[in-house]
Amino acid sequence: MSLTLFHRHVLEDYLSDFGTKANPNHLAVIRRPAIFSVLAHRGHDASVENELKSVEGIDVRDCAPGEWLVVSTSAGAAAIENLLADIAGASIVDQSDGRALLRVHGPNVRKILAKCVAVDLHPDSFPIGTSANMLCCHVAVNLARTGADTFEIAVPRSFCGSVFEEVMEMGREFALTAAFADS
């Protein structure tokens, strides 16, 4: 007898009641992102960071000195692991099944997130490409600014439902919608 495993996203039931038409303020749930923790060994911070930034097809998110999240929404975890495996002086751990990725965008995204995080999200203080670990709705997440009005939240899978509900509540006055991302 063979066993077939199906991947069910942690937010599947949360999104079942939402319509598919996105408003200008929208939360897109990425179905299968590849997410890796990368830790530089002592004395290798700069070389690991330089090597990470040279890898195509990934986004590198700052977490702490010598620590990054590597995120890809276009390649699978196995492909990203192969790309990262040759980086000398680093330990790499696949976090893809342990984290979810939420992309929030729209003209009021900063006002929505300002209710959830205690960080200045003004473009001068948090420019495109900036990321940091922080509390979002009382949960430790990694928040990254990926576009003019776009942010991504990498959240532990076990807290994803709670963060999703809180962000949706904070975005209610701005008619925030939610759905799984198309890509």
Protein backbone atom coordinates (compact mmCIF):
# COMPACT_ATOMS: atom_id res chain seq x y z
CA MET A 1 0.00 0.00 0.00
CA SER A 2 1.45 3.38 -0.98
CA LEU A 3 0.95 6.54 0.95
CA THR A 4 0.30 9.78 -0.90
CA LEU A 5 1.06 13.00 0.93
CA PHE A 6 -0.72 16.22 0.09
CA HIS A 7 0.56 19.63 1.04
CA ARG A 8 -2.12 21.65 2.76
CA HIS A 9 -1.29 25.25 3.53
CA VAL A 10 -1.83 26.31 7.13
CA LEU A 11 -4.12 29.15 5.96
CA GLU A 12 -6.29 27.01 3.66
CA ASP A 13 -9.32 27.20 5.97
CA TYR A 14 -8.77 30.89 6.75
CA LEU A 15 -8.95 31.83 3.06
CA SER A 16 -11.92 29.65 2.12
CA ASP A 17 -14.43 32.42 2.96
CA PHE A 18 -12.64 35.20 1.06
CA GLY A 19 -13.61 36.23 -2.45
CA THR A 20 -11.06 36.12 -5.23
CA LYS A 21 -11.26 39.78 -6.31
CA ALA A 22 -8.39 41.73 -4.77
CA ASN A 23 -8.86 45.29 -3.55
CA PRO A 24 -6.02 47.84 -3.85
CA ASN A 25 -4.98 46.84 -0.30
CA HIS A 26 -4.40 43.11 -0.46
CA LEU A 27 -2.71 40.30 1.45
CA ALA A 28 -1.40 37.53 -0.80
CA VAL A 29 -0.42 34.22 0.75
CA ILE A 30 2.47 32.53 -1.03
CA ARG A 31 1.74 28.80 -1.31
CA ARG A 32 5.18 27.13 -1.44
CA PRO A 33 8.03 29.56 -0.81
CA ALA A 34 11.55 28.25 -0.32
CA ILE A 35 12.88 29.75 2.92
CA PHE A 36 16.31 28.99 4.37
CA SER A 37 18.14 30.22 7.47
CA VAL A 38 21.79 30.97 6.77
CA LEU A 39 24.26 31.43 9.61
CA ALA A 40 27.83 32.55 8.98
CA HIS A 41 30.53 30.78 10.91
CA ARG A 42 32.72 33.00 13.10
CA GLY A 43 34.79 35.38 10.97
CA HIS A 44 32.93 34.59 7.72
CA ASP A 45 30.12 37.19 7.91
CA ALA A 46 31.31 39.38 5.03
CA SER A 47 32.25 36.53 2.68
CA VAL A 48 28.97 34.68 3.26
CA GLU A 49 26.96 37.86 2.72
CA ASN A 50 28.83 38.60 -0.53
CA GLU A 51 28.26 35.06 -1.79
CA LEU A 52 24.56 35.19 -0.90
CA LYS A 53 24.12 38.47 -2.77
CA SER A 54 25.68 36.91 -5.89
CA VAL A 55 23.18 34.02 -6.05
CA GLU A 56 20.45 34.67 -8.62
CA GLY A 57 16.80 33.88 -7.97
CA ILE A 58 16.82 34.52 -4.23
CA ASP A 59 16.04 37.40 -1.91
CA VAL A 60 18.38 37.83 1.04
CA ARG A 61 16.76 39.11 4.24
CA ASP A 62 18.73 40.43 7.21
CA CYS A 63 17.95 38.83 10.56
CA ALA A 64 20.96 39.61 12.74
CA PRO A 65 24.71 40.03 12.34
CA GLY A 66 25.87 36.97 10.40
CA GLU A 67 22.31 35.65 10.02
CA TRP A 68 19.97 35.85 7.02
CA LEU A 69 16.80 34.39 5.61
CA VAL A 70 16.99 33.37 1.98
CA VAL A 71 13.59 33.47 0.24
CA SER A 72 12.54 32.32 -3.20
CA THR A 73 9.02 32.26 -4.59
CA SER A 74 10.11 30.99 -8.01
CA ALA A 75 12.36 28.01 -7.23
CA GLY A 76 11.74 25.02 -5.00
CA ALA A 77 13.57 24.23 -1.79
CA ALA A 78 15.74 21.53 -3.38
CA ALA A 79 16.97 23.92 -6.09
CA ILE A 80 17.74 26.66 -3.56
CA GLU A 81 19.52 24.19 -1.30
CA ASN A 82 21.77 23.22 -4.22
CA LEU A 83 22.57 26.88 -4.88
CA LEU A 84 23.47 27.51 -1.23
CA ALA A 85 25.32 24.26 -0.53
CA ASP A 86 28.66 25.50 -1.87
CA ILE A 87 28.86 28.64 0.26
CA ALA A 88 31.94 28.22 2.42
CA GLY A 89 31.75 29.26 6.05
CA ALA A 90 27.98 28.98 6.40
CA SER A 91 25.40 26.67 7.91
CA ILE A 92 22.16 26.40 5.95
CA VAL A 93 18.84 25.10 7.30
CA ASP A 94 15.67 24.61 5.24
CA GLN A 95 12.80 26.46 6.95
CA SER A 96 10.31 26.11 4.07
CA ASP A 97 7.89 23.86 5.94
CA GLY A 98 8.26 25.79 9.18
CA ARG A 99 7.43 29.28 7.92
CA ALA A 100 4.73 30.94 5.86
CA LEU A 101 5.15 33.99 3.64
CA LEU A 102 2.55 36.75 3.53
CA ARG A 103 2.81 39.60 1.01
CA VAL A 104 0.87 42.74 1.93
CA HIS A 105 0.60 45.55 -0.60
CA GLY A 106 -1.44 48.60 -1.40
CA PRO A 107 -1.62 52.35 -0.91
CA ASN A 108 -2.37 51.97 2.83
CA VAL A 109 0.05 49.16 3.63
CA ARG A 110 2.16 51.29 6.00
CA LYS A 111 -0.94 52.39 7.94
CA ILE A 112 -2.05 48.76 8.25
CA LEU A 113 1.35 47.48 9.34
CA ALA A 114 1.86 50.43 11.72
CA LYS A 115 -0.88 48.88 13.84
CA CYS A 116 1.05 45.60 13.97
CA VAL A 117 4.73 46.53 14.32
CA ALA A 118 6.68 49.04 16.42
CA VAL A 119 9.03 50.06 13.61
CA ASP A 120 9.12 53.23 11.50
CA LEU A 121 8.07 52.09 8.02
CA HIS A 122 8.56 55.48 6.34
CA PRO A 123 10.44 55.03 3.04
CA ASP A 124 13.40 57.05 4.40
CA SER A 125 13.69 54.79 7.45
CA PHE A 126 12.74 51.45 5.87
CA PRO A 127 13.70 51.64 2.18
CA ILE A 128 13.05 48.96 -0.45
CA GLY A 129 15.31 46.00 0.24
CA THR A 130 15.32 46.52 4.00
CA SER A 131 14.39 43.64 6.27
CA ALA A 132 14.54 42.95 9.98
CA ASN A 133 13.35 40.55 12.64
CA MET A 134 10.66 42.12 14.82
CA LEU A 135 7.41 41.49 16.61
CA CYS A 136 4.31 41.62 14.44
CA CYS A 137 1.04 41.09 16.30
CA HIS A 138 3.09 39.77 19.26
CA VAL A 139 4.83 37.14 17.09
CA ALA A 140 8.51 37.11 16.08
CA VAL A 141 8.64 37.53 12.28
CA ASN A 142 10.95 38.79 9.57
CA LEU A 143 9.50 41.83 7.79
CA ALA A 144 10.92 42.88 4.42
CA ARG A 145 10.07 45.83 2.21
CA THR A 146 10.07 44.42 -1.33
CA GLY A 147 8.46 47.25 -3.28
CA ALA A 148 7.17 50.81 -3.08
CA ASP A 149 3.97 49.68 -1.35
CA THR A 150 4.79 46.02 -0.73
CA PHE A 151 6.01 44.18 2.36
CA GLU A 152 6.55 40.48 3.02
CA ILE A 153 6.16 38.83 6.39
CA ALA A 154 7.93 35.51 7.04
CA VAL A 155 6.07 34.06 10.00
CA PRO A 156 6.47 30.76 11.88
CA ARG A 157 3.88 28.30 10.58
CA SER A 158 2.42 27.64 14.04
CA PHE A 159 1.61 31.35 14.51
CA CYS A 160 0.52 32.07 10.94
CA GLY A 161 -3.22 31.91 11.62
CA SER A 162 -2.95 34.36 14.49
CA VAL A 163 -0.84 36.85 12.50
CA PHE A 164 -3.15 36.51 9.49
CA GLU A 165 -6.25 37.25 11.58
CA GLU A 166 -4.61 40.25 13.28
CA VAL A 167 -3.34 41.79 10.04
CA MET A 168 -6.76 41.32 8.43
CA GLU A 169 -8.40 43.02 11.42
CA MET A 170 -5.92 45.92 11.27
CA GLY A 171 -6.65 46.28 7.55
CA ARG A 172 -10.42 46.19 7.85
CA GLU A 173 -10.85 49.98 7.69
CA PHE A 174 -8.85 49.94 4.41
CA ALA A 175 -10.91 47.07 2.89
CA LEU A 176 -7.93 44.68 3.00
CA THR A 177 -8.64 41.52 1.02
CA ALA A 178 -6.77 38.21 1.07
CA ALA A 179 -6.18 35.24 -1.21
CA PHE A 180 -3.49 32.84 -2.26
CA ALA A 181 -1.00 34.44 -4.64
CA ASP A 182 -1.33 33.59 -8.31
CA SER A 183 2.34 32.68 -8.70
